[in-house]
């Protein structure tokens, strides 16, 4: 649990520092309040977490032709299946870690909106 708390703290600091640095260099965001950095951290962390959950497994055969499907049935895919299972496990763990990293910032955004 302590590792998760450390990950949450470090990831939020890195994301906020990245947003601040990008805004200082480009001025693209035009951030004037501290809550804008917090909201940017939420959207960045949750957007990155969705990428870990959503990435293609490579298991879809929607664009494969008949020859590719027939050739793939001749190959033993047990090692690839084990590798994909391990990769999916670590991707889902990273999704959860990044999702939980965004929760404190989301709580700050909601409490700021309610209290102001």
PDB file of N, CA and C in Angstrom:
ATOM      1  N   UNK A   1       0.823  -1.191   0.000  1.00  0.00           N
ATOM      2  CA  UNK A   1       0.000   0.000   0.000  1.00  0.00           C
ATOM      3  C   UNK A   1       0.867   1.255   0.000  1.00  0.00           C
ATOM      4  N   UNK A   2       2.007   1.145   0.669  1.00  0.00           N
ATOM      5  CA  UNK A   2       2.919   2.282   0.707  1.00  0.00           C
ATOM      6  C   UNK A   2       3.518   2.548  -0.678  1.00  0.00           C
ATOM      7  N   UNK A   3       3.755   1.469  -1.443  1.00  0.00           N
ATOM      8  CA  UNK A   3       4.263   1.647  -2.804  1.00  0.00           C
ATOM      9  C   UNK A   3       3.240   2.360  -3.681  1.00  0.00           C
ATOM     10  N   UNK A   4       1.959   2.020  -3.502  1.00  0.00           N
ATOM     11  CA  UNK A   4       0.912   2.677  -4.284  1.00  0.00           C
ATOM     12  C   UNK A   4       0.818   4.155  -3.922  1.00  0.00           C
ATOM     13  N   UNK A   5       0.915   4.470  -2.634  1.00  0.00           N
ATOM     14  CA  UNK A   5       0.875   5.874  -2.212  1.00  0.00           C
ATOM     15  C   UNK A   5       2.067   6.643  -2.784  1.00  0.00           C
ATOM     16  N   UNK A   6       3.229   6.019  -2.793  1.00  0.00           N
ATOM     17  CA  UNK A   6       4.395   6.652  -3.396  1.00  0.00           C
ATOM     18  C   UNK A   6       4.227   6.853  -4.891  1.00  0.00           C
ATOM     19  N   UNK A   7       3.645   5.849  -5.559  1.00  0.00           N
ATOM     20  CA  UNK A   7       3.391   5.969  -6.997  1.00  0.00           C
ATOM     21  C   UNK A   7       2.410   7.098  -7.274  1.00  0.00           C
ATOM     22  N   UNK A   8       1.361   7.199  -6.456  1.00  0.00           N
ATOM     23  CA  UNK A   8       0.362   8.262  -6.629  1.00  0.00           C
ATOM     24  C   UNK A   8       1.020   9.627  -6.480  1.00  0.00           C
ATOM     25  N   UNK A   9       1.822   9.788  -5.456  1.00  0.00           N
ATOM     26  CA  UNK A   9       2.481  11.072  -5.211  1.00  0.00           C
ATOM     27  C   UNK A   9       3.457  11.426  -6.333  1.00  0.00           C
ATOM     28  N   UNK A  10       4.306  10.484  -6.688  1.00  0.00           N
ATOM     29  CA  UNK A  10       5.319  10.756  -7.709  1.00  0.00           C
ATOM     30  C   UNK A  10       4.678  10.993  -9.075  1.00  0.00           C
ATOM     31  N   UNK A  11       3.685  10.187  -9.433  1.00  0.00           N
ATOM     32  CA  UNK A  11       3.059  10.367 -10.747  1.00  0.00           C
ATOM     33  C   UNK A  11       2.325  11.701 -10.837  1.00  0.00           C
ATOM     34  N   UNK A  12       1.659  12.110  -9.767  1.00  0.00           N
ATOM     35  CA  UNK A  12       0.988  13.411  -9.783  1.00  0.00           C
ATOM     36  C   UNK A  12       1.997  14.552  -9.881  1.00  0.00           C
ATOM     37  N   UNK A  13       3.100  14.443  -9.161  1.00  0.00           N
ATOM     38  CA  UNK A  13       4.123  15.487  -9.234  1.00  0.00           C
ATOM     39  C   UNK A  13       4.737  15.570 -10.626  1.00  0.00           C
ATOM     40  N   UNK A  14       5.002  14.421 -11.230  1.00  0.00           N
ATOM     41  CA  UNK A  14       5.593  14.412 -12.568  1.00  0.00           C
ATOM     42  C   UNK A  14       4.626  15.004 -13.590  1.00  0.00           C
ATOM     43  N   UNK A  15       3.361  14.631 -13.495  1.00  0.00           N
ATOM     44  CA  UNK A  15       2.376  15.132 -14.463  1.00  0.00           C
ATOM     45  C   UNK A  15       2.173  16.633 -14.296  1.00  0.00           C
ATOM     46  N   UNK A  16       2.050  17.093 -13.062  1.00  0.00           N
ATOM     47  CA  UNK A  16       1.860  18.534 -12.832  1.00  0.00           C
ATOM     48  C   UNK A  16       3.100  19.308 -13.280  1.00  0.00           C
ATOM     49  N   UNK A  17       4.290  18.773 -13.008  1.00  0.00           N
ATOM     50  CA  UNK A  17       5.508  19.445 -13.463  1.00  0.00           C
ATOM     51  C   UNK A  17       5.574  19.482 -14.988  1.00  0.00           C
ATOM     52  N   UNK A  18       5.153  18.408 -15.631  1.00  0.00           N
ATOM     53  CA  UNK A  18       5.126  18.388 -17.091  1.00  0.00           C
ATOM     54  C   UNK A  18       4.138  19.384 -17.664  1.00  0.00           C
ATOM     55  N   UNK A  19       2.969  19.475 -17.054  1.00  0.00           N
ATOM     56  CA  UNK A  19       1.963  20.444 -17.512  1.00  0.00           C
ATOM     57  C   UNK A  19       2.463  21.864 -17.290  1.00  0.00           C
ATOM     58  N   UNK A  20       3.065  22.113 -16.128  1.00  0.00           N
ATOM     59  CA  UNK A  20       3.593  23.443 -15.833  1.00  0.00           C
ATOM     60  C   UNK A  20       4.703  23.816 -16.826  1.00  0.00           C
ATOM     61  N   UNK A  21       5.627  22.879 -17.056  1.00  0.00           N
ATOM     62  CA  UNK A  21       6.721  23.155 -17.983  1.00  0.00           C
ATOM     63  C   UNK A  21       6.235  23.400 -19.398  1.00  0.00           C
ATOM     64  N   UNK A  22       5.281  22.593 -19.841  1.00  0.00           N
ATOM     65  CA  UNK A  22       4.730  22.773 -21.188  1.00  0.00           C
ATOM     66  C   UNK A  22       4.011  24.107 -21.306  1.00  0.00           C
ATOM     67  N   UNK A  23       3.291  24.484 -20.252  1.00  0.00           N
ATOM     68  CA  UNK A  23       2.576  25.760 -20.282  1.00  0.00           C
ATOM     69  C   UNK A  23       3.541  26.939 -20.230  1.00  0.00           C
ATOM     70  N   UNK A  24       4.640  26.797 -19.507  1.00  0.00           N
ATOM     71  CA  UNK A  24       5.618  27.879 -19.437  1.00  0.00           C
ATOM     72  C   UNK A  24       6.326  28.084 -20.774  1.00  0.00           C
ATOM     73  N   UNK A  25       6.595  26.988 -21.457  1.00  0.00           N
ATOM     74  CA  UNK A  25       7.320  27.080 -22.724  1.00  0.00           C
ATOM     75  C   UNK A  25       6.416  27.571 -23.850  1.00  0.00           C
ATOM     76  N   UNK A  26       5.209  27.013 -23.920  1.00  0.00           N
ATOM     77  CA  UNK A  26       4.345  27.324 -25.062  1.00  0.00           C
ATOM     78  C   UNK A  26       3.247  28.326 -24.743  1.00  0.00           C
ATOM     79  N   UNK A  27       2.772  28.349 -23.522  1.00  0.00           N
ATOM     80  CA  UNK A  27       1.639  29.201 -23.173  1.00  0.00           C
ATOM     81  C   UNK A  27       0.337  28.723 -23.784  1.00  0.00           C
ATOM     82  N   UNK A  28       0.316  27.486 -24.240  1.00  0.00           N
ATOM     83  CA  UNK A  28      -0.833  26.948 -24.950  1.00  0.00           C
ATOM     84  C   UNK A  28      -2.056  26.796 -24.053  1.00  0.00           C
ATOM     85  N   UNK A  29      -1.850  26.340 -22.831  1.00  0.00           N
ATOM     86  CA  UNK A  29      -2.982  26.103 -21.940  1.00  0.00           C
ATOM     87  C   UNK A  29      -3.512  27.387 -21.316  1.00  0.00           C
ATOM     88  N   UNK A  30      -2.666  28.364 -21.091  1.00  0.00           N
ATOM     89  CA  UNK A  30      -3.093  29.614 -20.467  1.00  0.00           C
ATOM     90  C   UNK A  30      -3.587  29.405 -19.047  1.00  0.00           C
ATOM     91  N   UNK A  31      -2.870  28.617 -18.282  1.00  0.00           N
ATOM     92  CA  UNK A  31      -3.304  28.268 -16.930  1.00  0.00           C
ATOM     93  C   UNK A  31      -3.045  29.440 -15.996  1.00  0.00           C
ATOM     94  N   UNK A  32      -4.093  29.830 -15.247  1.00  0.00           N
ATOM     95  CA  UNK A  32      -3.967  30.943 -14.314  1.00  0.00           C
ATOM     96  C   UNK A  32      -4.234  30.530 -12.874  1.00  0.00           C
ATOM     97  N   UNK A  33      -4.927  29.404 -12.657  1.00  0.00           N
ATOM     98  CA  UNK A  33      -5.256  28.965 -11.297  1.00  0.00           C
ATOM     99  C   UNK A  33      -4.651  27.596 -11.033  1.00  0.00           C
ATOM    100  N   UNK A  34      -4.413  27.315  -9.757  1.00  0.00           N
ATOM    101  CA  UNK A  34      -3.805  26.042  -9.390  1.00  0.00           C
ATOM    102  C   UNK A  34      -4.735  24.866  -9.661  1.00  0.00           C
ATOM    103  N   UNK A  35      -6.035  25.075  -9.623  1.00  0.00           N
ATOM    104  CA  UNK A  35      -6.971  23.978  -9.849  1.00  0.00           C
ATOM    105  C   UNK A  35      -6.905  23.502 -11.300  1.00  0.00           C
ATOM    106  N   UNK A  36      -6.471  24.367 -12.210  1.00  0.00           N
ATOM    107  CA  UNK A  36      -6.306  23.955 -13.604  1.00  0.00           C
ATOM    108  C   UNK A  36      -5.204  22.905 -13.742  1.00  0.00           C
ATOM    109  N   UNK A  37      -4.144  23.045 -12.949  1.00  0.00           N
ATOM    110  CA  UNK A  37      -3.090  22.030 -12.950  1.00  0.00           C
ATOM    111  C   UNK A  37      -3.619  20.700 -12.418  1.00  0.00           C
ATOM    112  N   UNK A  38      -4.441  20.765 -11.385  1.00  0.00           N
ATOM    113  CA  UNK A  38      -5.006  19.545 -10.804  1.00  0.00           C
ATOM    114  C   UNK A  38      -5.920  18.859 -11.813  1.00  0.00           C
ATOM    115  N   UNK A  39      -6.753  19.635 -12.490  1.00  0.00           N
ATOM    116  CA  UNK A  39      -7.630  19.051 -13.510  1.00  0.00           C
ATOM    117  C   UNK A  39      -6.815  18.470 -14.668  1.00  0.00           C
ATOM    118  N   UNK A  40      -5.759  19.145 -15.044  1.00  0.00           N
ATOM    119  CA  UNK A  40      -4.881  18.611 -16.089  1.00  0.00           C
ATOM    120  C   UNK A  40      -4.224  17.311 -15.672  1.00  0.00           C
ATOM    121  N   UNK A  41      -3.883  17.205 -14.387  1.00  0.00           N
ATOM    122  CA  UNK A  41      -3.303  15.958 -13.890  1.00  0.00           C
ATOM    123  C   UNK A  41      -4.314  14.823 -13.961  1.00  0.00           C
ATOM    124  N   UNK A  42      -5.568  15.107 -13.600  1.00  0.00           N
ATOM    125  CA  UNK A  42      -6.610  14.072 -13.665  1.00  0.00           C
ATOM    126  C   UNK A  42      -6.792  13.594 -15.097  1.00  0.00           C
ATOM    127  N   UNK A  43      -6.951  14.532 -16.008  1.00  0.00           N
ATOM    128  CA  UNK A  43      -7.191  14.133 -17.396  1.00  0.00           C
ATOM    129  C   UNK A  43      -5.985  13.419 -17.996  1.00  0.00           C
ATOM    130  N   UNK A  44      -4.784  13.840 -17.636  1.00  0.00           N
ATOM    131  CA  UNK A  44      -3.588  13.181 -18.167  1.00  0.00           C
ATOM    132  C   UNK A  44      -3.436  11.772 -17.619  1.00  0.00           C
ATOM    133  N   UNK A  45      -3.586  11.618 -16.312  1.00  0.00           N
ATOM    134  CA  UNK A  45      -3.422  10.295 -15.705  1.00  0.00           C
ATOM    135  C   UNK A  45      -4.503   9.330 -16.163  1.00  0.00           C
ATOM    136  N   UNK A  46      -5.733   9.785 -16.196  1.00  0.00           N
ATOM    137  CA  UNK A  46      -6.813   8.891 -16.620  1.00  0.00           C
ATOM    138  C   UNK A  46      -6.758   8.625 -18.116  1.00  0.00           C
ATOM    139  N   UNK A  47      -6.338   9.592 -18.903  1.00  0.00           N
ATOM    140  CA  UNK A  47      -6.167   9.348 -20.336  1.00  0.00           C
ATOM    141  C   UNK A  47      -5.074   8.331 -20.613  1.00  0.00           C
ATOM    142  N   UNK A  48      -3.982   8.423 -19.868  1.00  0.00           N
ATOM    143  CA  UNK A  48      -2.907   7.449 -20.015  1.00  0.00           C
ATOM    144  C   UNK A  48      -3.341   6.072 -19.528  1.00  0.00           C
ATOM    145  N   UNK A  49      -4.133   6.034 -18.467  1.00  0.00           N
ATOM    146  CA  UNK A  49      -4.588   4.735 -17.957  1.00  0.00           C
ATOM    147  C   UNK A  49      -5.510   4.045 -18.950  1.00  0.00           C
ATOM    148  N   UNK A  50      -6.340   4.807 -19.643  1.00  0.00           N
ATOM    149  CA  UNK A  50      -7.229   4.212 -20.646  1.00  0.00           C
ATOM    150  C   UNK A  50      -6.421   3.588 -21.778  1.00  0.00           C
ATOM    151  N   UNK A  51      -5.281   4.178 -22.117  1.00  0.00           N
ATOM    152  CA  UNK A  51      -4.451   3.587 -23.164  1.00  0.00           C
ATOM    153  C   UNK A  51      -3.950   2.202 -22.768  1.00  0.00           C
ATOM    154  N   UNK A  52      -3.622   2.009 -21.498  1.00  0.00           N
ATOM    155  CA  UNK A  52      -3.185   0.688 -21.051  1.00  0.00           C
ATOM    156  C   UNK A  52      -4.324  -0.318 -21.074  1.00  0.00           C
ATOM    157  N   UNK A  53      -5.528   0.129 -20.832  1.00  0.00           N
ATOM    158  CA  UNK A  53      -6.670  -0.780 -20.837  1.00  0.00           C
ATOM    159  C   UNK A  53      -7.148  -1.058 -22.252  1.00  0.00           C
ATOM    160  N   UNK A  54      -7.004  -0.109 -23.141  1.00  0.00           N
ATOM    161  CA  UNK A  54      -7.623  -0.170 -24.452  1.00  0.00           C
ATOM    162  C   UNK A  54      -6.722  -0.732 -25.544  1.00  0.00           C
ATOM    163  N   UNK A  55      -5.416  -0.821 -25.299  1.00  0.00           N
ATOM    164  CA  UNK A  55      -4.495  -1.243 -26.349  1.00  0.00           C
ATOM    165  C   UNK A  55      -4.899  -2.586 -26.926  1.00  0.00           C
ATOM    166  N   UNK A  56      -4.729  -2.731 -28.227  1.00  0.00           N
ATOM    167  CA  UNK A  56      -5.156  -3.928 -28.936  1.00  0.00           C
ATOM    168  C   UNK A  56      -4.321  -5.131 -28.513  1.00  0.00           C
ATOM    169  N   UNK A  57      -4.991  -6.253 -28.351  1.00  0.00           N
ATOM    170  CA  UNK A  57      -4.311  -7.484 -27.974  1.00  0.00           C
ATOM    171  C   UNK A  57      -3.589  -8.120 -29.149  1.00  0.00           C
ATOM    172  N   UNK A  58      -3.982  -7.791 -30.341  1.00  0.00           N
ATOM    173  CA  UNK A  58      -3.446  -8.459 -31.501  1.00  0.00           C
ATOM    174  C   UNK A  58      -4.173  -9.757 -31.784  1.00  0.00           C
ATOM    175  N   UNK A  59      -5.273 -10.022 -31.086  1.00  0.00           N
ATOM    176  CA  UNK A  59      -6.031 -11.253 -31.268  1.00  0.00           C
ATOM    177  C   UNK A  59      -7.137 -11.115 -32.290  1.00  0.00           C
ATOM    178  N   UNK A  60      -7.435  -9.906 -32.723  1.00  0.00           N
ATOM    179  CA  UNK A  60      -8.541  -9.731 -33.660  1.00  0.00           C
ATOM    180  C   UNK A  60      -8.085 -10.107 -35.064  1.00  0.00           C
ATOM    181  N   UNK A  61      -8.944 -10.798 -35.770  1.00  0.00           N
ATOM    182  CA  UNK A  61      -8.635 -11.222 -37.132  1.00  0.00           C
ATOM    183  C   UNK A  61      -9.571 -10.549 -38.123  1.00  0.00           C
ATOM    184  N   UNK A  62      -9.982  -9.349 -37.844  1.00  0.00           N
ATOM    185  CA  UNK A  62     -10.936  -8.667 -38.710  1.00  0.00           C
ATOM    186  C   UNK A  62     -10.337  -8.350 -40.072  1.00  0.00           C
ATOM    187  N   UNK A  63      -9.046  -8.057 -40.105  1.00  0.00           N
ATOM    188  CA  UNK A  63      -8.437  -7.685 -41.369  1.00  0.00           C
ATOM    189  C   UNK A  63      -7.609  -8.810 -41.983  1.00  0.00           C
ATOM    190  N   UNK A  64      -7.633 -10.003 -41.388  1.00  0.00           N
ATOM    191  CA  UNK A  64      -6.838 -11.113 -41.895  1.00  0.00           C
ATOM    192  C   UNK A  64      -7.560 -11.799 -43.055  1.00  0.00           C
ATOM    193  N   UNK A  65      -6.778 -12.181 -44.042  1.00  0.00           N
ATOM    194  CA  UNK A  65      -7.369 -12.911 -45.159  1.00  0.00           C
ATOM    195  C   UNK A  65      -7.388 -14.409 -44.849  1.00  0.00           C
ATOM    196  N   UNK A  66      -7.923 -15.203 -45.757  1.00  0.00           N
ATOM    197  CA  UNK A  66      -8.074 -16.641 -45.516  1.00  0.00           C
ATOM    198  C   UNK A  66      -6.727 -17.330 -45.339  1.00  0.00           C
ATOM    199  N   UNK A  67      -5.739 -16.915 -46.105  1.00  0.00           N
ATOM    200  CA  UNK A  67      -4.421 -17.541 -46.012  1.00  0.00           C
ATOM    201  C   UNK A  67      -3.782 -17.281 -44.650  1.00  0.00           C
ATOM    202  N   UNK A  68      -3.930 -16.076 -44.140  1.00  0.00           N
ATOM    203  CA  UNK A  68      -3.363 -15.754 -42.829  1.00  0.00           C
ATOM    204  C   UNK A  68      -4.039 -16.546 -41.724  1.00  0.00           C
ATOM    205  N   UNK A  69      -5.343 -16.688 -41.804  1.00  0.00           N
ATOM    206  CA  UNK A  69      -6.078 -17.456 -40.800  1.00  0.00           C
ATOM    207  C   UNK A  69      -5.682 -18.922 -40.866  1.00  0.00           C
ATOM    208  N   UNK A  70      -5.559 -19.468 -42.077  1.00  0.00           N
ATOM    209  CA  UNK A  70      -5.170 -20.867 -42.230  1.00  0.00           C
ATOM    210  C   UNK A  70      -3.747 -21.095 -41.747  1.00  0.00           C
ATOM    211  N   UNK A  71      -2.845 -20.175 -42.028  1.00  0.00           N
ATOM    212  CA  UNK A  71      -1.464 -20.325 -41.590  1.00  0.00           C
ATOM    213  C   UNK A  71      -1.344 -20.203 -40.081  1.00  0.00           C
ATOM    214  N   UNK A  72      -2.126 -19.333 -39.482  1.00  0.00           N
ATOM    215  CA  UNK A  72      -2.044 -19.174 -38.031  1.00  0.00           C
ATOM    216  C   UNK A  72      -2.595 -20.386 -37.300  1.00  0.00           C
ATOM    217  N   UNK A  73      -3.485 -21.139 -37.942  1.00  0.00           N
ATOM    218  CA  UNK A  73      -4.006 -22.340 -37.290  1.00  0.00           C
ATOM    219  C   UNK A  73      -2.986 -23.466 -37.298  1.00  0.00           C
ATOM    220  N   UNK A  74      -1.952 -23.383 -38.125  1.00  0.00           N
ATOM    221  CA  UNK A  74      -0.920 -24.414 -38.192  1.00  0.00           C
ATOM    222  C   UNK A  74       0.194 -24.187 -37.180  1.00  0.00           C
ATOM    223  N   UNK A  75       0.231 -23.029 -36.569  1.00  0.00           N
ATOM    224  CA  UNK A  75       1.313 -22.666 -35.659  1.00  0.00           C
ATOM    225  C   UNK A  75       0.858 -22.854 -34.221  1.00  0.00           C
ATOM    226  N   UNK A  76       1.774 -23.355 -33.390  1.00  0.00           N
ATOM    227  CA  UNK A  76       1.483 -23.512 -31.969  1.00  0.00           C
ATOM    228  C   UNK A  76       1.611 -22.145 -31.296  1.00  0.00           C
ATOM    229  N   UNK A  77       0.521 -21.625 -30.792  1.00  0.00           N
ATOM    230  CA  UNK A  77       0.493 -20.286 -30.203  1.00  0.00           C
ATOM    231  C   UNK A  77       0.480 -20.302 -28.683  1.00  0.00           C
ATOM    232  N   UNK A  78       0.912 -21.385 -28.045  1.00  0.00           N
ATOM    233  CA  UNK A  78       0.836 -21.446 -26.584  1.00  0.00           C
ATOM    234  C   UNK A  78       1.796 -20.458 -25.932  1.00  0.00           C
ATOM    235  N   UNK A  79       2.988 -20.314 -26.479  1.00  0.00           N
ATOM    236  CA  UNK A  79       3.955 -19.376 -25.890  1.00  0.00           C
ATOM    237  C   UNK A  79       3.471 -17.946 -26.075  1.00  0.00           C
ATOM    238  N   UNK A  80       2.948 -17.648 -27.244  1.00  0.00           N
ATOM    239  CA  UNK A  80       2.416 -16.305 -27.484  1.00  0.00           C
ATOM    240  C   UNK A  80       1.210 -16.030 -26.593  1.00  0.00           C
ATOM    241  N   UNK A  81       0.382 -17.048 -26.360  1.00  0.00           N
ATOM    242  CA  UNK A  81      -0.779 -16.864 -25.488  1.00  0.00           C
ATOM    243  C   UNK A  81      -0.344 -16.606 -24.050  1.00  0.00           C
ATOM    244  N   UNK A  82       0.692 -17.319 -23.595  1.00  0.00           N
ATOM    245  CA  UNK A  82       1.208 -17.075 -22.241  1.00  0.00           C
ATOM    246  C   UNK A  82       1.783 -15.668 -22.129  1.00  0.00           C
ATOM    247  N   UNK A  83       2.520 -15.254 -23.144  1.00  0.00           N
ATOM    248  CA  UNK A  83       3.092 -13.911 -23.145  1.00  0.00           C
ATOM    249  C   UNK A  83       1.994 -12.858 -23.122  1.00  0.00           C
ATOM    250  N   UNK A  84       0.950 -13.052 -23.922  1.00  0.00           N
ATOM    251  CA  UNK A  84      -0.159 -12.095 -23.951  1.00  0.00           C
ATOM    252  C   UNK A  84      -0.900 -12.055 -22.629  1.00  0.00           C
ATOM    253  N   UNK A  85      -1.026 -13.200 -21.956  1.00  0.00           N
ATOM    254  CA  UNK A  85      -1.693 -13.222 -20.654  1.00  0.00           C
ATOM    255  C   UNK A  85      -0.888 -12.432 -19.628  1.00  0.00           C
ATOM    256  N   UNK A  86       0.425 -12.601 -19.644  1.00  0.00           N
ATOM    257  CA  UNK A  86       1.282 -11.853 -18.714  1.00  0.00           C
ATOM    258  C   UNK A  86       1.225 -10.360 -19.032  1.00  0.00           C
ATOM    259  N   UNK A  87       1.268 -10.032 -20.320  1.00  0.00           N
ATOM    260  CA  UNK A  87       1.211  -8.624 -20.721  1.00  0.00           C
ATOM    261  C   UNK A  87      -0.116  -7.988 -20.322  1.00  0.00           C
ATOM    262  N   UNK A  88      -1.216  -8.723 -20.515  1.00  0.00           N
ATOM    263  CA  UNK A  88      -2.525  -8.194 -20.114  1.00  0.00           C
ATOM    264  C   UNK A  88      -2.589  -7.979 -18.605  1.00  0.00           C
ATOM    265  N   UNK A  89      -1.969  -8.884 -17.843  1.00  0.00           N
ATOM    266  CA  UNK A  89      -1.947  -8.741 -16.389  1.00  0.00           C
ATOM    267  C   UNK A  89      -1.231  -7.460 -15.989  1.00  0.00           C
ATOM    268  N   UNK A  90      -0.052  -7.226 -16.553  1.00  0.00           N
ATOM    269  CA  UNK A  90       0.699  -6.027 -16.195  1.00  0.00           C
ATOM    270  C   UNK A  90       0.047  -4.757 -16.740  1.00  0.00           C
ATOM    271  N   UNK A  91      -0.571  -4.835 -17.907  1.00  0.00           N
ATOM    272  CA  UNK A  91      -1.289  -3.674 -18.430  1.00  0.00           C
ATOM    273  C   UNK A  91      -2.480  -3.317 -17.553  1.00  0.00           C
ATOM    274  N   UNK A  92      -3.203  -4.323 -17.066  1.00  0.00           N
ATOM    275  CA  UNK A  92      -4.347  -4.027 -16.195  1.00  0.00           C
ATOM    276  C   UNK A  92      -3.878  -3.490 -14.850  1.00  0.00           C
ATOM    277  N   UNK A  93      -2.734  -3.964 -14.360  1.00  0.00           N
ATOM    278  CA  UNK A  93      -2.183  -3.401 -13.118  1.00  0.00           C
ATOM    279  C   UNK A  93      -1.795  -1.943 -13.310  1.00  0.00           C
ATOM    280  N   UNK A  94      -1.180  -1.638 -14.444  1.00  0.00           N
ATOM    281  CA  UNK A  94      -0.785  -0.250 -14.697  1.00  0.00           C
ATOM    282  C   UNK A  94      -2.006   0.632 -14.870  1.00  0.00           C
ATOM    283  N   UNK A  95      -3.056   0.114 -15.505  1.00  0.00           N
ATOM    284  CA  UNK A  95      -4.306   0.862 -15.620  1.00  0.00           C
ATOM    285  C   UNK A  95      -4.835   1.212 -14.236  1.00  0.00           C
ATOM    286  N   UNK A  96      -4.880   0.230 -13.341  1.00  0.00           N
ATOM    287  CA  UNK A  96      -5.411   0.486 -11.999  1.00  0.00           C
ATOM    288  C   UNK A  96      -4.537   1.461 -11.224  1.00  0.00           C
ATOM    289  N   UNK A  97      -3.217   1.331 -11.356  1.00  0.00           N
ATOM    290  CA  UNK A  97      -2.330   2.249 -10.649  1.00  0.00           C
ATOM    291  C   UNK A  97      -2.526   3.688 -11.121  1.00  0.00           C
ATOM    292  N   UNK A  98      -2.628   3.881 -12.430  1.00  0.00           N
ATOM    293  CA  UNK A  98      -2.826   5.235 -12.947  1.00  0.00           C
ATOM    294  C   UNK A  98      -4.220   5.763 -12.628  1.00  0.00           C
ATOM    295  N   UNK A  99      -5.213   4.874 -12.627  1.00  0.00           N
ATOM    296  CA  UNK A  99      -6.563   5.299 -12.261  1.00  0.00           C
ATOM    297  C   UNK A  99      -6.598   5.750 -10.804  1.00  0.00           C
ATOM    298  N   UNK A 100      -5.992   4.970  -9.910  1.00  0.00           N
ATOM    299  CA  UNK A 100      -5.947   5.358  -8.500  1.00  0.00           C
ATOM    300  C   UNK A 100      -5.094   6.602  -8.289  1.00  0.00           C
ATOM    301  N   UNK A 101      -4.096   6.811  -9.137  1.00  0.00           N
ATOM    302  CA  UNK A 101      -3.271   8.012  -9.021  1.00  0.00           C
ATOM    303  C   UNK A 101      -4.076   9.261  -9.346  1.00  0.00           C
ATOM    304  N   UNK A 102      -5.084   9.139 -10.190  1.00  0.00           N
ATOM    305  CA  UNK A 102      -5.910  10.292 -10.533  1.00  0.00           C
ATOM    306  C   UNK A 102      -7.023  10.572  -9.548  1.00  0.00           C
ATOM    307  N   UNK A 103      -7.340   9.614  -8.679  1.00  0.00           N
ATOM    308  CA  UNK A 103      -8.457   9.804  -7.746  1.00  0.00           C
ATOM    309  C   UNK A 103      -8.262  10.956  -6.757  1.00  0.00           C
ATOM    310  N   UNK A 104      -7.082  11.116  -6.125  1.00  0.00           N
ATOM    311  CA  UNK A 104      -6.940  12.262  -5.211  1.00  0.00           C
ATOM    312  C   UNK A 104      -7.112  13.610  -5.915  1.00  0.00           C
ATOM    313  N   UNK A 105      -6.557  13.735  -7.103  1.00  0.00           N
ATOM    314  CA  UNK A 105      -6.716  14.990  -7.847  1.00  0.00           C
ATOM    315  C   UNK A 105      -8.171  15.197  -8.245  1.00  0.00           C
ATOM    316  N   UNK A 106      -8.867  14.118  -8.582  1.00  0.00           N
ATOM    317  CA  UNK A 106     -10.289  14.227  -8.907  1.00  0.00           C
ATOM    318  C   UNK A 106     -11.084  14.666  -7.681  1.00  0.00           C
ATOM    319  N   UNK A 107     -10.737  14.128  -6.514  1.00  0.00           N
ATOM    320  CA  UNK A 107     -11.395  14.554  -5.274  1.00  0.00           C
ATOM    321  C   UNK A 107     -11.155  16.023  -4.981  1.00  0.00           C
ATOM    322  N   UNK A 108      -9.955  16.493  -5.259  1.00  0.00           N
ATOM    323  CA  UNK A 108      -9.651  17.911  -5.063  1.00  0.00           C
ATOM    324  C   UNK A 108     -10.481  18.763  -6.017  1.00  0.00           C
ATOM    325  N   UNK A 109     -10.598  18.332  -7.274  1.00  0.00           N
ATOM    326  CA  UNK A 109     -11.404  19.086  -8.252  1.00  0.00           C
ATOM    327  C   UNK A 109     -12.868  19.142  -7.843  1.00  0.00           C
ATOM    328  N   UNK A 110     -13.412  18.020  -7.399  1.00  0.00           N
ATOM    329  CA  UNK A 110     -14.824  17.984  -7.004  1.00  0.00           C
ATOM    330  C   UNK A 110     -15.051  18.835  -5.766  1.00  0.00           C
ATOM    331  N   UNK A 111     -14.173  18.722  -4.774  1.00  0.00           N
ATOM    332  CA  UNK A 111     -14.353  19.518  -3.559  1.00  0.00           C
ATOM    333  C   UNK A 111     -14.183  21.006  -3.843  1.00  0.00           C
ATOM    334  N   UNK A 112     -13.299  21.366  -4.749  1.00  0.00           N
ATOM    335  CA  UNK A 112     -13.141  22.768  -5.125  1.00  0.00           C
ATOM    336  C   UNK A 112     -14.401  23.290  -5.806  1.00  0.00           C
ATOM    337  N   UNK A 113     -14.996  22.466  -6.668  1.00  0.00           N
ATOM    338  CA  UNK A 113     -16.214  22.882  -7.370  1.00  0.00           C
ATOM    339  C   UNK A 113     -17.389  23.007  -6.413  1.00  0.00           C
ATOM    340  N   UNK A 114     -17.463  22.138  -5.421  1.00  0.00           N
ATOM    341  CA  UNK A 114     -18.577  22.176  -4.470  1.00  0.00           C
ATOM    342  C   UNK A 114     -18.422  23.345  -3.503  1.00  0.00           C
ATOM    343  N   UNK A 115     -17.203  23.589  -3.052  1.00  0.00           N
ATOM    344  CA  UNK A 115     -16.980  24.614  -2.034  1.00  0.00           C
ATOM    345  C   UNK A 115     -16.909  26.031  -2.595  1.00  0.00           C
ATOM    346  N   UNK A 116     -16.703  26.183  -3.876  1.00  0.00           N
ATOM    347  CA  UNK A 116     -16.601  27.552  -4.400  1.00  0.00           C
ATOM    348  C   UNK A 116     -17.841  27.967  -5.158  1.00  0.00           C
TER     349      UNK A 116
END
